[in-house]
Amino acid sequence: MSLLIRDLNFSDEADYRAASNEFVGSGFDWSAPLEPQLAWTEYVATVHAWSRGESLPPGWVPVTTRIAEWDGVVAGRLSVRHELNDFLAHVGGHIGYGVRPAFRRRGIATALLRDGLEIARRAGVAKVLVTCRDDNIGSATVIERCGGVCRDTVEHPDGGQPMRRYDIVLSPA
């Protein structure tokens, strides 16, 4: 069994769309909202542009998107926001990740978060905010395993589950 965390590419379309469909109705957005409106090649190019701070939708911040590939199958997704806007500072955080249900409990979420911390460090972030739903014990465990210290729990502005907010202090790059 092998795990590779890498940038999204043109050959990932079928797996990525299948993963996105697995999360419909779960309250977790696997893919960015523009994805259904763009051809796959345009979507991949757009995601790469966002990491450079280009072509960002209004109110968005630069974001790096990567995937976890488990034995050749897209198993997880990582988003690293290089800075925070008001919403991200409240409930979204710098790093978001998701693992497809069939691939959970294999260390993929921990590997994604560790990769995200390195990306954040290279982007100059000194203290990373990572959030998870208060009832998501698996994600809370991953965050704590990666050095997260729970700051507080806040209400979600959309009325959803309360969110735990964790800080992870990074050493300089």
C-alpha atoms as a PDB file:
ATOM      1  CA  MET A   1       0.000   0.000   0.000  1.00  0.00           C
ATOM      2  CA  SER A   2       1.473   3.334  -0.987  1.00  0.00           C
ATOM      3  CA  LEU A   3       0.458   6.909  -0.285  1.00  0.00           C
ATOM      4  CA  LEU A   4       1.469   9.864  -2.442  1.00  0.00           C
ATOM      5  CA  ILE A   5       0.429  13.457  -1.761  1.00  0.00           C
ATOM      6  CA  ARG A   6       0.653  15.546  -4.893  1.00  0.00           C
ATOM      7  CA  ASP A   7      -0.836  18.317  -6.975  1.00  0.00           C
ATOM      8  CA  LEU A   8      -4.076  17.717  -8.832  1.00  0.00           C
ATOM      9  CA  ASN A   9      -3.562  16.804 -12.494  1.00  0.00           C
ATOM     10  CA  PHE A  10      -5.493  16.176 -15.687  1.00  0.00           C
ATOM     11  CA  SER A  11      -5.707  12.397 -15.185  1.00  0.00           C
ATOM     12  CA  ASP A  12      -7.547  12.701 -11.833  1.00  0.00           C
ATOM     13  CA  GLU A  13     -10.967  13.656 -13.178  1.00  0.00           C
ATOM     14  CA  ALA A  14     -12.913  10.395 -12.703  1.00  0.00           C
ATOM     15  CA  ASP A  15     -11.577   9.677  -9.195  1.00  0.00           C
ATOM     16  CA  TYR A  16     -11.901  13.290  -8.096  1.00  0.00           C
ATOM     17  CA  ARG A  17     -15.502  13.544  -9.286  1.00  0.00           C
ATOM     18  CA  ALA A  18     -16.346  10.206  -7.642  1.00  0.00           C
ATOM     19  CA  ALA A  19     -14.854  11.461  -4.380  1.00  0.00           C
ATOM     20  CA  SER A  20     -16.780  14.721  -4.638  1.00  0.00           C
ATOM     21  CA  ASN A  21     -20.023  12.781  -5.149  1.00  0.00           C
ATOM     22  CA  GLU A  22     -19.356  10.707  -2.017  1.00  0.00           C
ATOM     23  CA  PHE A  23     -19.506  13.879   0.081  1.00  0.00           C
ATOM     24  CA  VAL A  24     -22.760  15.317  -1.328  1.00  0.00           C
ATOM     25  CA  GLY A  25     -25.135  15.974   1.558  1.00  0.00           C
ATOM     26  CA  SER A  26     -22.472  15.378   4.217  1.00  0.00           C
ATOM     27  CA  GLY A  27     -21.907  19.036   5.041  1.00  0.00           C
ATOM     28  CA  PHE A  28     -18.342  18.778   3.706  1.00  0.00           C
ATOM     29  CA  ASP A  29     -17.479  20.379   0.381  1.00  0.00           C
ATOM     30  CA  TRP A  30     -14.912  18.143  -1.311  1.00  0.00           C
ATOM     31  CA  SER A  31     -14.356  20.404  -4.306  1.00  0.00           C
ATOM     32  CA  ALA A  32     -14.368  24.110  -4.987  1.00  0.00           C
ATOM     33  CA  PRO A  33     -17.702  25.540  -6.131  1.00  0.00           C
ATOM     34  CA  LEU A  34     -16.548  26.351  -9.664  1.00  0.00           C
ATOM     35  CA  GLU A  35     -15.735  22.729 -10.463  1.00  0.00           C
ATOM     36  CA  PRO A  36     -19.109  21.684 -11.958  1.00  0.00           C
ATOM     37  CA  GLN A  37     -19.149  24.762 -14.186  1.00  0.00           C
ATOM     38  CA  LEU A  38     -15.753  24.196 -15.807  1.00  0.00           C
ATOM     39  CA  ALA A  39     -14.262  21.602 -18.104  1.00  0.00           C
ATOM     40  CA  TRP A  40     -11.799  19.473 -16.127  1.00  0.00           C
ATOM     41  CA  THR A  41      -8.717  20.976 -17.802  1.00  0.00           C
ATOM     42  CA  GLU A  42      -9.974  24.453 -16.930  1.00  0.00           C
ATOM     43  CA  TYR A  43     -10.702  23.399 -13.359  1.00  0.00           C
ATOM     44  CA  VAL A  44      -7.187  22.010 -12.848  1.00  0.00           C
ATOM     45  CA  ALA A  45      -5.639  25.157 -14.375  1.00  0.00           C
ATOM     46  CA  THR A  46      -7.869  27.324 -12.141  1.00  0.00           C
ATOM     47  CA  VAL A  47      -6.898  25.416  -8.985  1.00  0.00           C
ATOM     48  CA  HIS A  48      -3.212  25.889  -9.837  1.00  0.00           C
ATOM     49  CA  ALA A  49      -3.795  29.614 -10.516  1.00  0.00           C
ATOM     50  CA  TRP A  50      -5.468  30.012  -7.109  1.00  0.00           C
ATOM     51  CA  SER A  51      -2.319  28.717  -5.411  1.00  0.00           C
ATOM     52  CA  ARG A  52      -0.471  31.653  -7.004  1.00  0.00           C
ATOM     53  CA  GLY A  53      -3.205  34.095  -5.924  1.00  0.00           C
ATOM     54  CA  GLU A  54      -4.484  34.461  -9.487  1.00  0.00           C
ATOM     55  CA  SER A  55      -8.113  34.395 -10.710  1.00  0.00           C
ATOM     56  CA  LEU A  56      -9.493  34.176  -7.183  1.00  0.00           C
ATOM     57  CA  PRO A  57     -13.261  34.433  -6.715  1.00  0.00           C
ATOM     58  CA  PRO A  58     -14.336  37.541  -4.739  1.00  0.00           C
ATOM     59  CA  GLY A  59     -13.486  37.222  -1.043  1.00  0.00           C
ATOM     60  CA  TRP A  60     -11.176  34.233  -1.560  1.00  0.00           C
ATOM     61  CA  VAL A  61      -7.539  34.008  -0.469  1.00  0.00           C
ATOM     62  CA  PRO A  62      -4.713  32.135  -2.219  1.00  0.00           C
ATOM     63  CA  VAL A  63      -5.191  28.394  -1.681  1.00  0.00           C
ATOM     64  CA  THR A  64      -3.077  25.372  -2.543  1.00  0.00           C
ATOM     65  CA  THR A  65      -5.023  22.202  -3.335  1.00  0.00           C
ATOM     66  CA  ARG A  66      -3.375  18.767  -3.246  1.00  0.00           C
ATOM     67  CA  ILE A  67      -4.643  15.222  -3.280  1.00  0.00           C
ATOM     68  CA  ALA A  68      -3.731  12.017  -1.509  1.00  0.00           C
ATOM     69  CA  GLU A  69      -3.353   9.083  -3.863  1.00  0.00           C
ATOM     70  CA  TRP A  70      -3.586   5.614  -2.297  1.00  0.00           C
ATOM     71  CA  ASP A  71      -2.400   2.881  -4.640  1.00  0.00           C
ATOM     72  CA  GLY A  72      -3.280   4.988  -7.660  1.00  0.00           C
ATOM     73  CA  VAL A  73      -6.727   6.094  -6.432  1.00  0.00           C
ATOM     74  CA  VAL A  74      -7.646   9.600  -5.248  1.00  0.00           C
ATOM     75  CA  ALA A  75      -8.303   9.007  -1.548  1.00  0.00           C
ATOM     76  CA  GLY A  76      -8.122  12.463   0.006  1.00  0.00           C
ATOM     77  CA  ARG A  77      -7.984  16.184  -0.625  1.00  0.00           C
ATOM     78  CA  LEU A  78      -6.059  19.009   1.053  1.00  0.00           C
ATOM     79  CA  SER A  79      -6.654  22.776   0.913  1.00  0.00           C
ATOM     80  CA  VAL A  80      -4.126  25.178   2.395  1.00  0.00           C
ATOM     81  CA  ARG A  81      -5.234  28.795   2.611  1.00  0.00           C
ATOM     82  CA  HIS A  82      -2.159  31.051   2.612  1.00  0.00           C
ATOM     83  CA  GLU A  83      -3.931  33.722   4.659  1.00  0.00           C
ATOM     84  CA  LEU A  84      -7.243  34.173   6.447  1.00  0.00           C
ATOM     85  CA  ASN A  85     -10.276  36.304   5.680  1.00  0.00           C
ATOM     86  CA  ASP A  86     -12.951  36.923   8.337  1.00  0.00           C
ATOM     87  CA  PHE A  87     -14.833  33.667   7.660  1.00  0.00           C
ATOM     88  CA  LEU A  88     -11.673  31.542   7.634  1.00  0.00           C
ATOM     89  CA  ALA A  89     -10.440  33.221  10.829  1.00  0.00           C
ATOM     90  CA  HIS A  90     -13.705  32.277  12.514  1.00  0.00           C
ATOM     91  CA  VAL A  91     -14.469  28.736  11.316  1.00  0.00           C
ATOM     92  CA  GLY A  92     -12.558  27.741   8.174  1.00  0.00           C
ATOM     93  CA  GLY A  93      -8.929  27.960   9.216  1.00  0.00           C
ATOM     94  CA  HIS A  94      -5.779  27.720   7.143  1.00  0.00           C
ATOM     95  CA  ILE A  95      -6.026  24.002   6.388  1.00  0.00           C
ATOM     96  CA  GLY A  96      -8.895  21.780   5.375  1.00  0.00           C
ATOM     97  CA  TYR A  97      -8.706  18.130   4.423  1.00  0.00           C
ATOM     98  CA  GLY A  98     -11.034  15.276   3.681  1.00  0.00           C
ATOM     99  CA  VAL A  99     -10.587  11.549   3.229  1.00  0.00           C
ATOM    100  CA  ARG A 100     -13.002   9.351   1.313  1.00  0.00           C
ATOM    101  CA  PRO A 101     -14.868   7.001   3.674  1.00  0.00           C
ATOM    102  CA  ALA A 102     -13.351   3.823   2.176  1.00  0.00           C
ATOM    103  CA  PHE A 103      -9.836   5.134   2.863  1.00  0.00           C
ATOM    104  CA  ARG A 104     -10.193   6.331   6.447  1.00  0.00           C
ATOM    105  CA  ARG A 105      -8.169   5.064   9.414  1.00  0.00           C
ATOM    106  CA  ARG A 106      -5.040   4.540   7.288  1.00  0.00           C
ATOM    107  CA  GLY A 107      -3.105   7.660   8.350  1.00  0.00           C
ATOM    108  CA  ILE A 108      -4.071   9.629   5.252  1.00  0.00           C
ATOM    109  CA  ALA A 109      -5.609  12.561   7.160  1.00  0.00           C
ATOM    110  CA  THR A 110      -2.492  12.850   9.335  1.00  0.00           C
ATOM    111  CA  ALA A 111      -0.255  12.789   6.254  1.00  0.00           C
ATOM    112  CA  LEU A 112      -2.421  15.430   4.553  1.00  0.00           C
ATOM    113  CA  LEU A 113      -2.321  17.731   7.570  1.00  0.00           C
ATOM    114  CA  ARG A 114       1.460  17.351   7.886  1.00  0.00           C
ATOM    115  CA  ASP A 115       1.854  18.200   4.201  1.00  0.00           C
ATOM    116  CA  GLY A 116      -0.441  21.188   4.691  1.00  0.00           C
ATOM    117  CA  LEU A 117       1.631  22.427   7.621  1.00  0.00           C
ATOM    118  CA  GLU A 118       4.748  22.365   5.447  1.00  0.00           C
ATOM    119  CA  ILE A 119       2.968  24.292   2.678  1.00  0.00           C
ATOM    120  CA  ALA A 120       1.764  26.856   5.238  1.00  0.00           C
ATOM    121  CA  ARG A 121       5.308  27.188   6.629  1.00  0.00           C
ATOM    122  CA  ARG A 122       6.668  27.853   3.130  1.00  0.00           C
ATOM    123  CA  ALA A 123       3.905  30.458   2.630  1.00  0.00           C
ATOM    124  CA  GLY A 124       5.167  32.287   5.721  1.00  0.00           C
ATOM    125  CA  VAL A 125       2.384  31.327   8.142  1.00  0.00           C
ATOM    126  CA  ALA A 126       3.758  31.250  11.702  1.00  0.00           C
ATOM    127  CA  LYS A 127       0.637  30.021  13.510  1.00  0.00           C
ATOM    128  CA  VAL A 128      -1.825  27.824  11.669  1.00  0.00           C
ATOM    129  CA  LEU A 129      -5.525  27.706  12.505  1.00  0.00           C
ATOM    130  CA  VAL A 130      -7.126  24.306  11.859  1.00  0.00           C
ATOM    131  CA  THR A 131     -10.795  23.692  12.588  1.00  0.00           C
ATOM    132  CA  CYS A 132     -13.129  20.727  12.752  1.00  0.00           C
ATOM    133  CA  ARG A 133     -16.703  20.082  13.751  1.00  0.00           C
ATOM    134  CA  ASP A 134     -17.008  19.594  17.486  1.00  0.00           C
ATOM    135  CA  ASP A 135     -18.422  16.097  16.955  1.00  0.00           C
ATOM    136  CA  ASN A 136     -15.609  15.001  14.595  1.00  0.00           C
ATOM    137  CA  ILE A 137     -13.438  13.115  17.079  1.00  0.00           C
ATOM    138  CA  GLY A 138     -11.340  11.556  14.307  1.00  0.00           C
ATOM    139  CA  SER A 139     -10.316  14.929  12.907  1.00  0.00           C
ATOM    140  CA  ALA A 140      -9.738  16.368  16.390  1.00  0.00           C
ATOM    141  CA  THR A 141      -7.392  13.444  17.097  1.00  0.00           C
ATOM    142  CA  VAL A 142      -5.490  14.057  13.849  1.00  0.00           C
ATOM    143  CA  ILE A 143      -5.098  17.766  14.620  1.00  0.00           C
ATOM    144  CA  GLU A 144      -3.890  17.077  18.160  1.00  0.00           C
ATOM    145  CA  ARG A 145      -1.480  14.401  16.864  1.00  0.00           C
ATOM    146  CA  CYS A 146       0.023  17.081  14.605  1.00  0.00           C
ATOM    147  CA  GLY A 147       0.561  19.526  17.468  1.00  0.00           C
ATOM    148  CA  GLY A 148      -2.790  21.284  17.558  1.00  0.00           C
ATOM    149  CA  VAL A 149      -3.799  22.964  20.795  1.00  0.00           C
ATOM    150  CA  CYS A 150      -7.529  23.635  21.131  1.00  0.00           C
ATOM    151  CA  ARG A 151      -8.104  27.374  21.375  1.00  0.00           C
ATOM    152  CA  ASP A 152     -11.888  27.270  21.776  1.00  0.00           C
ATOM    153  CA  THR A 153     -15.174  26.074  20.308  1.00  0.00           C
ATOM    154  CA  VAL A 154     -17.338  28.528  18.360  1.00  0.00           C
ATOM    155  CA  GLU A 155     -20.770  28.486  16.810  1.00  0.00           C
ATOM    156  CA  HIS A 156     -20.875  28.079  13.042  1.00  0.00           C
ATOM    157  CA  PRO A 157     -22.354  31.210  11.400  1.00  0.00           C
ATOM    158  CA  ASP A 158     -24.572  29.027   9.187  1.00  0.00           C
ATOM    159  CA  GLY A 159     -26.095  27.381  12.260  1.00  0.00           C
ATOM    160  CA  GLY A 160     -24.257  24.111  11.701  1.00  0.00           C
ATOM    161  CA  GLN A 161     -22.315  22.116  14.233  1.00  0.00           C
ATOM    162  CA  PRO A 162     -20.076  24.096  16.606  1.00  0.00           C
ATOM    163  CA  MET A 163     -16.469  24.202  15.435  1.00  0.00           C
ATOM    164  CA  ARG A 164     -13.334  23.454  17.436  1.00  0.00           C
ATOM    165  CA  ARG A 165     -10.473  25.819  16.627  1.00  0.00           C
ATOM    166  CA  TYR A 166      -6.896  24.624  17.036  1.00  0.00           C
ATOM    167  CA  ASP A 167      -3.606  26.509  16.794  1.00  0.00           C
ATOM    168  CA  ILE A 168      -0.415  24.887  15.542  1.00  0.00           C
ATOM    169  CA  VAL A 169       2.729  26.994  15.938  1.00  0.00           C
ATOM    170  CA  LEU A 170       5.240  26.418  13.150  1.00  0.00           C
ATOM    171  CA  SER A 171       8.979  26.806  13.283  1.00  0.00           C
ATOM    172  CA  PRO A 172      10.417  29.210  10.686  1.00  0.00           C
ATOM    173  CA  ALA A 173      11.019  27.843   7.184  1.00  0.00           C
END
